[in-house]
Every structure is written in C-alpha cells, then in structure tokens.
Amino acid sequence: MEVRTINPTDCAYIAGLVDGEGTVTLVRKHRNENRQLSLSISSTERHLLEFVKDTVGAGKITTKRIARQHHSPSFTYAIYNRQAIALLRQICRFLRGYKAQRAELILNCYLAVTPRNGKYSDELRERKTAFEAAVLEIVANHPGTEQPEAEGASLDPIAPSGC
C-alpha cells in the first residue's frame, strides 16, 4: 500500500500525535534480524488511530494487552520501513524535539544504508551499525540529564554522503 499525500493540517495533527504519544525508532522484530524503521502512535482512543490509518492509507492498528483489570484498553498504530519514510517526509517539518532530530537523520541516511534486498557488504554493515547507534542515541532531553555524545559517530545528519 502506498502512503497517500496528506494535507498540511492533517500532517501537523499526525506530527502532534507522534510527538505526544508516538515513537520514531529502529526495531528488531526478531532477535537476529536487522533493525527496521518504525513509526508508531499509542492511544486509548482507537478512533484517533483509525483517523491516522485512514488519512495515511497504510499502517496497522493492534490492540495491546491489558496488564491490570483497571487499565483502559490501549491501541497502537504502526507503520514500517519505506512506508514510514514516506509518512515522515510529509510530517517531519511539524515534529519538535528529539523526534524531529531522529526523523531528519533517518530521512537523510536510512535508504543509503539499507539495501532493499537485505544483503550487506562489510562496509555497508559498518555504516548501518553506526547509523543505528546515532539514531538510538538521540533521546529526549530530560532535565538534569546530558545528551550523550555519539562515540565515533561520523554521521552528519544534514549530508547524505555522511551516511
């Protein structure tokens, strides 16, 4: 499924949901797999996630397990890989904080270090590993904590050639 073209108002709304209740990260679905791009939003209001899915035209909504009887049912909208890239391209200008930084690095480098066929040369695997470390080191800046410096990270989030 292709990601639809989204109007600016809906892009801003979806970006707000991502900033408030979402994640932009690299995940492994199975232990020995390569990490893949994931954009997700969690909410107890399924209709909000249905709006996102219908507006984007791609992605999936899952129901989270209820840990305790008094907890409300919770849902997660998720979109992966190239579909997530297509969505990020449209909403990134509206993101704020560390998720905006992650989105910028991902948009500049993810495709350059992720072959479509999943086959990595030694050099490309090194670049992918450095990229993953750089993305995952971009975290929320909580009061009283320092932003960690990426050890040996030579990735320039502005220049795709730095990927």
Protein backbone atom coordinates (compact mmCIF):
# COMPACT_ATOMS: atom_id res chain seq x y z
CA MET A 1 0.00 0.00 0.00
CA GLU A 2 1.25 3.46 -0.86
CA VAL A 3 1.15 6.30 1.61
CA ARG A 4 -1.31 8.97 0.49
CA THR A 5 -0.47 12.63 0.05
CA ILE A 6 -1.68 14.31 3.24
CA ASN A 7 -2.85 17.92 3.56
CA PRO A 8 -0.70 20.19 5.78
CA THR A 9 -3.30 20.44 8.57
CA ASP A 10 -3.54 16.66 8.92
CA CYS A 11 0.28 16.39 8.69
CA ALA A 12 0.58 18.79 11.62
CA TYR A 13 -2.05 16.86 13.61
CA ILE A 14 -0.36 13.49 12.97
CA ALA A 15 3.03 15.00 13.87
CA GLY A 16 1.50 16.21 17.15
CA LEU A 17 0.27 12.70 17.89
CA VAL A 18 3.74 11.31 17.14
CA ASP A 19 5.40 13.96 19.34
CA GLY A 20 2.97 13.35 22.20
CA GLU A 21 2.18 9.65 22.10
CA GLY A 22 4.42 8.15 19.45
CA THR A 23 7.85 6.82 18.64
CA VAL A 24 10.22 7.12 15.72
CA THR A 25 12.79 4.37 16.15
CA LEU A 26 14.59 1.36 14.73
CA VAL A 27 13.28 -2.00 15.93
CA ARG A 28 14.09 -5.67 15.57
CA LYS A 29 11.02 -7.85 15.12
CA HIS A 30 13.14 -10.97 15.73
CA ARG A 31 16.43 -11.41 17.60
CA ASN A 32 18.77 -11.97 14.63
CA GLU A 33 17.12 -9.59 12.19
CA ASN A 34 18.40 -6.22 11.08
CA ARG A 35 16.72 -3.21 12.65
CA GLN A 36 13.94 -1.60 10.65
CA LEU A 37 12.32 1.80 10.79
CA SER A 38 9.17 2.00 12.88
CA LEU A 39 6.83 4.93 13.44
CA SER A 40 4.11 4.23 15.98
CA ILE A 41 1.43 6.02 18.00
CA SER A 42 -0.26 4.58 21.09
CA SER A 43 -3.61 5.69 22.44
CA THR A 44 -6.63 4.55 24.41
CA GLU A 45 -8.78 6.28 21.78
CA ARG A 46 -8.92 3.93 18.80
CA HIS A 47 -10.84 6.45 16.68
CA LEU A 48 -7.76 8.75 16.66
CA LEU A 49 -5.62 5.91 15.32
CA GLU A 50 -8.31 4.98 12.77
CA PHE A 51 -8.17 8.60 11.57
CA VAL A 52 -4.37 8.33 11.15
CA LYS A 53 -4.61 5.00 9.32
CA ASP A 54 -7.38 6.24 7.01
CA THR A 55 -5.57 9.51 6.33
CA VAL A 56 -2.21 7.85 5.66
CA GLY A 57 -3.70 4.94 3.71
CA ALA A 58 -1.21 2.47 5.21
CA GLY A 59 -0.16 1.01 8.54
CA LYS A 60 -1.77 -1.27 11.06
CA ILE A 61 -3.61 -0.90 14.36
CA THR A 62 -3.08 -3.50 17.06
CA THR A 63 -4.65 -3.95 20.49
CA LYS A 64 -2.29 -4.00 23.45
CA ARG A 65 -2.76 -6.50 26.24
CA ILE A 66 -4.35 -5.14 29.39
CA ALA A 67 -1.89 -5.69 32.25
CA ARG A 68 -4.35 -4.93 35.04
CA GLN A 69 -8.11 -5.08 35.18
CA HIS A 70 -8.45 -1.37 36.00
CA HIS A 71 -6.39 -0.32 32.92
CA SER A 72 -8.17 1.02 29.85
CA PRO A 73 -7.87 -0.84 26.57
CA SER A 74 -4.97 0.58 24.55
CA PHE A 75 -4.14 0.50 20.85
CA THR A 76 -1.07 1.12 18.69
CA TYR A 77 -0.87 2.37 15.12
CA ALA A 78 2.39 1.31 13.44
CA ILE A 79 3.95 1.78 10.02
CA TYR A 80 7.35 0.43 8.95
CA ASN A 81 10.28 0.88 6.58
CA ARG A 82 9.65 2.70 3.29
CA GLN A 83 6.04 3.48 4.16
CA ALA A 84 7.27 5.09 7.38
CA ILE A 85 9.82 7.08 5.34
CA ALA A 86 7.01 8.33 3.08
CA LEU A 87 4.99 9.42 6.12
CA LEU A 88 8.00 11.04 7.82
CA ARG A 89 8.73 13.08 4.67
CA GLN A 90 5.29 14.65 5.00
CA ILE A 91 5.18 15.25 8.75
CA CYS A 92 8.83 15.96 9.64
CA ARG A 93 8.55 19.75 9.32
CA PHE A 94 5.90 19.70 12.06
CA LEU A 95 7.80 17.47 14.53
CA ARG A 96 9.53 19.03 17.54
CA GLY A 97 12.28 17.95 19.91
CA TYR A 98 14.28 14.77 19.66
CA LYS A 99 11.79 13.05 17.33
CA ALA A 100 12.43 15.79 14.76
CA GLN A 101 16.18 15.12 15.07
CA ARG A 102 15.67 11.39 14.63
CA ALA A 103 13.38 11.96 11.64
CA GLU A 104 15.95 14.23 9.96
CA LEU A 105 18.75 11.69 10.38
CA ILE A 106 16.51 8.86 9.19
CA LEU A 107 15.31 10.79 6.14
CA ASN A 108 18.89 11.68 5.21
CA CYS A 109 20.51 8.29 5.77
CA TYR A 110 18.14 5.31 6.15
CA LEU A 111 17.80 4.44 2.47
CA ALA A 112 21.54 4.92 1.84
CA VAL A 113 22.43 2.30 4.48
CA THR A 114 19.50 -0.10 3.98
CA PRO A 115 19.64 -2.19 0.80
CA ARG A 116 16.25 -3.30 -0.50
CA ASN A 117 17.42 -6.90 -0.83
CA GLY A 118 18.77 -7.01 2.75
CA LYS A 119 22.27 -8.03 1.60
CA TYR A 120 25.04 -6.07 3.31
CA SER A 121 28.72 -5.78 2.38
CA ASP A 122 31.09 -5.44 5.34
CA GLU A 123 31.43 -1.70 4.67
CA LEU A 124 27.67 -1.17 4.39
CA ARG A 125 27.06 -3.17 7.58
CA GLU A 126 29.53 -0.89 9.42
CA ARG A 127 27.75 2.20 8.09
CA LYS A 128 24.35 0.75 9.06
CA THR A 129 25.58 -0.06 12.58
CA ALA A 130 26.95 3.49 13.00
CA PHE A 131 23.66 4.91 11.67
CA GLU A 132 21.61 2.79 14.10
CA ALA A 133 23.77 3.91 17.04
CA ALA A 134 23.42 7.56 16.00
CA VAL A 135 19.62 7.31 15.73
CA LEU A 136 19.20 5.47 19.03
CA GLU A 137 21.47 7.93 20.87
CA ILE A 138 19.07 10.77 20.06
CA VAL A 139 16.85 10.71 23.12
CA ALA A 140 14.51 13.02 24.98
CA ASN A 141 16.41 15.66 26.90
CA HIS A 142 15.06 15.31 30.42
CA PRO A 143 16.00 17.95 33.00
CA GLY A 144 19.20 17.02 34.79
CA THR A 145 20.45 14.66 32.09
CA GLU A 146 23.06 15.28 29.45
CA GLN A 147 22.61 14.37 25.80
CA PRO A 148 25.14 11.56 25.18
CA GLU A 149 27.81 12.26 22.58
CA ALA A 150 27.81 9.63 19.83
CA GLU A 151 31.09 7.77 20.27
CA GLY A 152 32.95 7.89 16.99
CA ALA A 153 29.80 8.92 15.16
CA SER A 154 30.79 10.47 11.89
CA LEU A 155 27.25 10.74 10.63
CA ASP A 156 26.32 14.25 9.62
CA PRO A 157 22.51 14.38 9.74
CA ILE A 158 22.49 17.08 7.06
CA ALA A 159 24.72 15.43 4.46
CA PRO A 160 23.57 12.11 2.97
CA SER A 161 27.19 11.41 1.99
CA GLY A 162 27.95 11.22 5.73
CA CYS A 163 25.79 8.12 5.95
